[in-house]
């Protein structure tokens, strides 16, 4: 019964964790990943629960 809620909460937590970790990186490292600082939210939003890109 609570499995879908637990999965959604876990995905939300991992997106926030990933967003914080990417925000801490230097801009040069982000550029190596092909991400600009203002694109972090868009990149994180495209990651699904398993960590694969949509």
PDB file of N, CA and C in Angstrom:
ATOM      1  N   UNK A   1       0.811  -1.192   0.000  1.00  0.00           N
ATOM      2  CA  UNK A   1       0.000   0.000   0.000  1.00  0.00           C
ATOM      3  C   UNK A   1       0.863   1.268   0.000  1.00  0.00           C
ATOM      4  N   UNK A   2       1.914   1.272   0.786  1.00  0.00           N
ATOM      5  CA  UNK A   2       2.753   2.466   0.884  1.00  0.00           C
ATOM      6  C   UNK A   2       3.944   2.438  -0.072  1.00  0.00           C
ATOM      7  N   UNK A   3       4.109   1.359  -0.821  1.00  0.00           N
ATOM      8  CA  UNK A   3       5.267   1.242  -1.714  1.00  0.00           C
ATOM      9  C   UNK A   3       5.332   2.376  -2.751  1.00  0.00           C
ATOM     10  N   UNK A   4       4.243   2.728  -3.439  1.00  0.00           N
ATOM     11  CA  UNK A   4       4.332   3.848  -4.391  1.00  0.00           C
ATOM     12  C   UNK A   4       4.713   5.171  -3.719  1.00  0.00           C
ATOM     13  N   UNK A   5       4.196   5.400  -2.543  1.00  0.00           N
ATOM     14  CA  UNK A   5       4.525   6.635  -1.818  1.00  0.00           C
ATOM     15  C   UNK A   5       5.987   6.620  -1.408  1.00  0.00           C
ATOM     16  N   UNK A   6       6.462   5.469  -0.952  1.00  0.00           N
ATOM     17  CA  UNK A   6       7.854   5.345  -0.540  1.00  0.00           C
ATOM     18  C   UNK A   6       8.789   5.579  -1.727  1.00  0.00           C
ATOM     19  N   UNK A   7       8.446   5.027  -2.898  1.00  0.00           N
ATOM     20  CA  UNK A   7       9.279   5.221  -4.089  1.00  0.00           C
ATOM     21  C   UNK A   7       9.300   6.684  -4.510  1.00  0.00           C
ATOM     22  N   UNK A   8       8.142   7.347  -4.466  1.00  0.00           N
ATOM     23  CA  UNK A   8       8.098   8.761  -4.835  1.00  0.00           C
ATOM     24  C   UNK A   8       8.885   9.619  -3.858  1.00  0.00           C
ATOM     25  N   UNK A   9       8.794   9.316  -2.568  1.00  0.00           N
ATOM     26  CA  UNK A   9       9.548  10.053  -1.561  1.00  0.00           C
ATOM     27  C   UNK A   9      11.050   9.842  -1.750  1.00  0.00           C
ATOM     28  N   UNK A  10      11.445   8.607  -2.051  1.00  0.00           N
ATOM     29  CA  UNK A  10      12.857   8.306  -2.293  1.00  0.00           C
ATOM     30  C   UNK A  10      13.352   9.070  -3.522  1.00  0.00           C
ATOM     31  N   UNK A  11      12.560   9.074  -4.601  1.00  0.00           N
ATOM     32  CA  UNK A  11      12.954   9.794  -5.817  1.00  0.00           C
ATOM     33  C   UNK A  11      13.087  11.289  -5.536  1.00  0.00           C
ATOM     34  N   UNK A  12      12.150  11.852  -4.773  1.00  0.00           N
ATOM     35  CA  UNK A  12      12.209  13.268  -4.415  1.00  0.00           C
ATOM     36  C   UNK A  12      13.479  13.561  -3.615  1.00  0.00           C
ATOM     37  N   UNK A  13      13.765  12.694  -2.650  1.00  0.00           N
ATOM     38  CA  UNK A  13      14.953  12.866  -1.820  1.00  0.00           C
ATOM     39  C   UNK A  13      16.224  12.808  -2.671  1.00  0.00           C
ATOM     40  N   UNK A  14      16.305  11.849  -3.574  1.00  0.00           N
ATOM     41  CA  UNK A  14      17.499  11.709  -4.405  1.00  0.00           C
ATOM     42  C   UNK A  14      17.655  12.883  -5.371  1.00  0.00           C
ATOM     43  N   UNK A  15      16.555  13.410  -5.903  1.00  0.00           N
ATOM     44  CA  UNK A  15      16.649  14.592  -6.772  1.00  0.00           C
ATOM     45  C   UNK A  15      17.184  15.786  -5.990  1.00  0.00           C
ATOM     46  N   UNK A  16      16.695  15.996  -4.771  1.00  0.00           N
ATOM     47  CA  UNK A  16      17.188  17.109  -3.951  1.00  0.00           C
ATOM     48  C   UNK A  16      18.656  16.922  -3.591  1.00  0.00           C
ATOM     49  N   UNK A  17      19.037  15.701  -3.244  1.00  0.00           N
ATOM     50  CA  UNK A  17      20.428  15.397  -2.912  1.00  0.00           C
ATOM     51  C   UNK A  17      21.325  15.673  -4.124  1.00  0.00           C
ATOM     52  N   UNK A  18      20.901  15.207  -5.294  1.00  0.00           N
ATOM     53  CA  UNK A  18      21.678  15.408  -6.518  1.00  0.00           C
ATOM     54  C   UNK A  18      21.784  16.886  -6.847  1.00  0.00           C
ATOM     55  N   UNK A  19      20.686  17.614  -6.705  1.00  0.00           N
ATOM     56  CA  UNK A  19      20.688  19.059  -6.971  1.00  0.00           C
ATOM     57  C   UNK A  19      21.683  19.780  -6.058  1.00  0.00           C
ATOM     58  N   UNK A  20      21.685  19.431  -4.773  1.00  0.00           N
ATOM     59  CA  UNK A  20      22.624  20.064  -3.831  1.00  0.00           C
ATOM     60  C   UNK A  20      24.069  19.721  -4.173  1.00  0.00           C
ATOM     61  N   UNK A  21      24.331  18.460  -4.510  1.00  0.00           N
ATOM     62  CA  UNK A  21      25.701  18.048  -4.828  1.00  0.00           C
ATOM     63  C   UNK A  21      26.204  18.721  -6.103  1.00  0.00           C
ATOM     64  N   UNK A  22      25.358  18.822  -7.120  1.00  0.00           N
ATOM     65  CA  UNK A  22      25.765  19.496  -8.351  1.00  0.00           C
ATOM     66  C   UNK A  22      25.993  20.986  -8.110  1.00  0.00           C
ATOM     67  N   UNK A  23      25.193  21.602  -7.264  1.00  0.00           N
ATOM     68  CA  UNK A  23      25.344  23.031  -6.979  1.00  0.00           C
ATOM     69  C   UNK A  23      26.662  23.323  -6.265  1.00  0.00           C
ATOM     70  N   UNK A  24      27.203  22.338  -5.565  1.00  0.00           N
ATOM     71  CA  UNK A  24      28.463  22.534  -4.851  1.00  0.00           C
ATOM     72  C   UNK A  24      29.678  22.430  -5.773  1.00  0.00           C
ATOM     73  N   UNK A  25      29.499  21.873  -6.975  1.00  0.00           N
ATOM     74  CA  UNK A  25      30.623  21.696  -7.883  1.00  0.00           C
ATOM     75  C   UNK A  25      31.068  23.022  -8.483  1.00  0.00           C
ATOM     76  N   UNK A  26      32.325  23.062  -8.864  1.00  0.00           N
ATOM     77  CA  UNK A  26      32.897  24.209  -9.542  1.00  0.00           C
ATOM     78  C   UNK A  26      32.305  24.302 -10.955  1.00  0.00           C
ATOM     79  N   UNK A  27      32.198  25.501 -11.489  1.00  0.00           N
ATOM     80  CA  UNK A  27      31.617  25.699 -12.822  1.00  0.00           C
ATOM     81  C   UNK A  27      32.401  24.966 -13.904  1.00  0.00           C
ATOM     82  N   UNK A  28      33.709  24.828 -13.728  1.00  0.00           N
ATOM     83  CA  UNK A  28      34.510  24.103 -14.726  1.00  0.00           C
ATOM     84  C   UNK A  28      34.158  22.628 -14.756  1.00  0.00           C
ATOM     85  N   UNK A  29      33.909  22.054 -13.589  1.00  0.00           N
ATOM     86  CA  UNK A  29      33.521  20.642 -13.528  1.00  0.00           C
ATOM     87  C   UNK A  29      32.141  20.459 -14.146  1.00  0.00           C
ATOM     88  N   UNK A  30      31.231  21.379 -13.864  1.00  0.00           N
ATOM     89  CA  UNK A  30      29.911  21.312 -14.486  1.00  0.00           C
ATOM     90  C   UNK A  30      30.024  21.404 -16.007  1.00  0.00           C
ATOM     91  N   UNK A  31      30.916  22.260 -16.492  1.00  0.00           N
ATOM     92  CA  UNK A  31      31.115  22.384 -17.935  1.00  0.00           C
ATOM     93  C   UNK A  31      31.635  21.077 -18.521  1.00  0.00           C
ATOM     94  N   UNK A  32      32.499  20.380 -17.797  1.00  0.00           N
ATOM     95  CA  UNK A  32      32.979  19.076 -18.259  1.00  0.00           C
ATOM     96  C   UNK A  32      31.838  18.073 -18.371  1.00  0.00           C
ATOM     97  N   UNK A  33      30.828  18.216 -17.513  1.00  0.00           N
ATOM     98  CA  UNK A  33      29.655  17.343 -17.555  1.00  0.00           C
ATOM     99  C   UNK A  33      28.637  17.809 -18.596  1.00  0.00           C
ATOM    100  N   UNK A  34      28.874  18.976 -19.189  1.00  0.00           N
ATOM    101  CA  UNK A  34      27.954  19.524 -20.181  1.00  0.00           C
ATOM    102  C   UNK A  34      26.767  20.231 -19.566  1.00  0.00           C
ATOM    103  N   UNK A  35      26.949  20.737 -18.349  1.00  0.00           N
ATOM    104  CA  UNK A  35      25.862  21.391 -17.620  1.00  0.00           C
ATOM    105  C   UNK A  35      26.299  22.804 -17.253  1.00  0.00           C
ATOM    106  N   UNK A  36      25.409  23.763 -17.465  1.00  0.00           N
ATOM    107  CA  UNK A  36      25.643  25.105 -16.945  1.00  0.00           C
ATOM    108  C   UNK A  36      24.934  25.221 -15.606  1.00  0.00           C
ATOM    109  N   UNK A  37      25.393  26.123 -14.780  1.00  0.00           N
ATOM    110  CA  UNK A  37      24.848  26.244 -13.423  1.00  0.00           C
ATOM    111  C   UNK A  37      23.330  26.477 -13.421  1.00  0.00           C
ATOM    112  N   UNK A  38      22.831  27.258 -14.372  1.00  0.00           N
ATOM    113  CA  UNK A  38      21.387  27.524 -14.397  1.00  0.00           C
ATOM    114  C   UNK A  38      20.573  26.371 -14.987  1.00  0.00           C
ATOM    115  N   UNK A  39      21.238  25.314 -15.464  1.00  0.00           N
ATOM    116  CA  UNK A  39      20.550  24.151 -16.021  1.00  0.00           C
ATOM    117  C   UNK A  39      20.459  22.988 -15.039  1.00  0.00           C
ATOM    118  N   UNK A  40      20.972  23.142 -13.838  1.00  0.00           N
ATOM    119  CA  UNK A  40      21.001  22.035 -12.875  1.00  0.00           C
ATOM    120  C   UNK A  40      19.599  21.503 -12.602  1.00  0.00           C
ATOM    121  N   UNK A  41      18.631  22.387 -12.375  1.00  0.00           N
ATOM    122  CA  UNK A  41      17.263  21.938 -12.085  1.00  0.00           C
ATOM    123  C   UNK A  41      16.676  21.142 -13.243  1.00  0.00           C
ATOM    124  N   UNK A  42      16.937  21.580 -14.487  1.00  0.00           N
ATOM    125  CA  UNK A  42      16.416  20.861 -15.650  1.00  0.00           C
ATOM    126  C   UNK A  42      17.048  19.479 -15.780  1.00  0.00           C
ATOM    127  N   UNK A  43      18.346  19.387 -15.540  1.00  0.00           N
ATOM    128  CA  UNK A  43      19.044  18.101 -15.640  1.00  0.00           C
ATOM    129  C   UNK A  43      18.533  17.140 -14.579  1.00  0.00           C
ATOM    130  N   UNK A  44      18.387  17.615 -13.362  1.00  0.00           N
ATOM    131  CA  UNK A  44      17.922  16.757 -12.268  1.00  0.00           C
ATOM    132  C   UNK A  44      16.478  16.324 -12.502  1.00  0.00           C
ATOM    133  N   UNK A  45      15.659  17.181 -13.078  1.00  0.00           N
ATOM    134  CA  UNK A  45      14.254  16.838 -13.324  1.00  0.00           C
ATOM    135  C   UNK A  45      14.115  15.707 -14.338  1.00  0.00           C
ATOM    136  N   UNK A  46      15.127  15.524 -15.206  1.00  0.00           N
ATOM    137  CA  UNK A  46      15.050  14.473 -16.223  1.00  0.00           C
ATOM    138  C   UNK A  46      15.556  13.124 -15.740  1.00  0.00           C
ATOM    139  N   UNK A  47      15.995  13.026 -14.495  1.00  0.00           N
ATOM    140  CA  UNK A  47      16.485  11.758 -13.955  1.00  0.00           C
ATOM    141  C   UNK A  47      15.331  11.050 -13.267  1.00  0.00           C
ATOM    142  N   UNK A  48      15.091   9.787 -13.635  1.00  0.00           N
ATOM    143  CA  UNK A  48      13.993   9.058 -12.999  1.00  0.00           C
ATOM    144  C   UNK A  48      14.495   8.313 -11.766  1.00  0.00           C
ATOM    145  N   UNK A  49      13.646   7.514 -11.164  1.00  0.00           N
ATOM    146  CA  UNK A  49      13.938   6.864  -9.884  1.00  0.00           C
ATOM    147  C   UNK A  49      15.189   5.995  -9.947  1.00  0.00           C
ATOM    148  N   UNK A  50      15.357   5.257 -11.041  1.00  0.00           N
ATOM    149  CA  UNK A  50      16.494   4.355 -11.149  1.00  0.00           C
ATOM    150  C   UNK A  50      17.786   5.085 -11.483  1.00  0.00           C
ATOM    151  N   UNK A  51      17.699   6.371 -11.777  1.00  0.00           N
ATOM    152  CA  UNK A  51      18.890   7.142 -12.088  1.00  0.00           C
ATOM    153  C   UNK A  51      19.159   7.239 -13.574  1.00  0.00           C
ATOM    154  N   UNK A  52      18.286   6.674 -14.414  1.00  0.00           N
ATOM    155  CA  UNK A  52      18.443   6.768 -15.855  1.00  0.00           C
ATOM    156  C   UNK A  52      17.827   8.069 -16.335  1.00  0.00           C
ATOM    157  N   UNK A  53      18.375   8.587 -17.411  1.00  0.00           N
ATOM    158  CA  UNK A  53      17.823   9.824 -17.965  1.00  0.00           C
ATOM    159  C   UNK A  53      16.560   9.500 -18.729  1.00  0.00           C
ATOM    160  N   UNK A  54      15.576  10.393 -18.672  1.00  0.00           N
ATOM    161  CA  UNK A  54      14.316  10.198 -19.405  1.00  0.00           C
ATOM    162  C   UNK A  54      14.484  10.608 -20.843  1.00  0.00           C
TER     163      UNK A  54
END
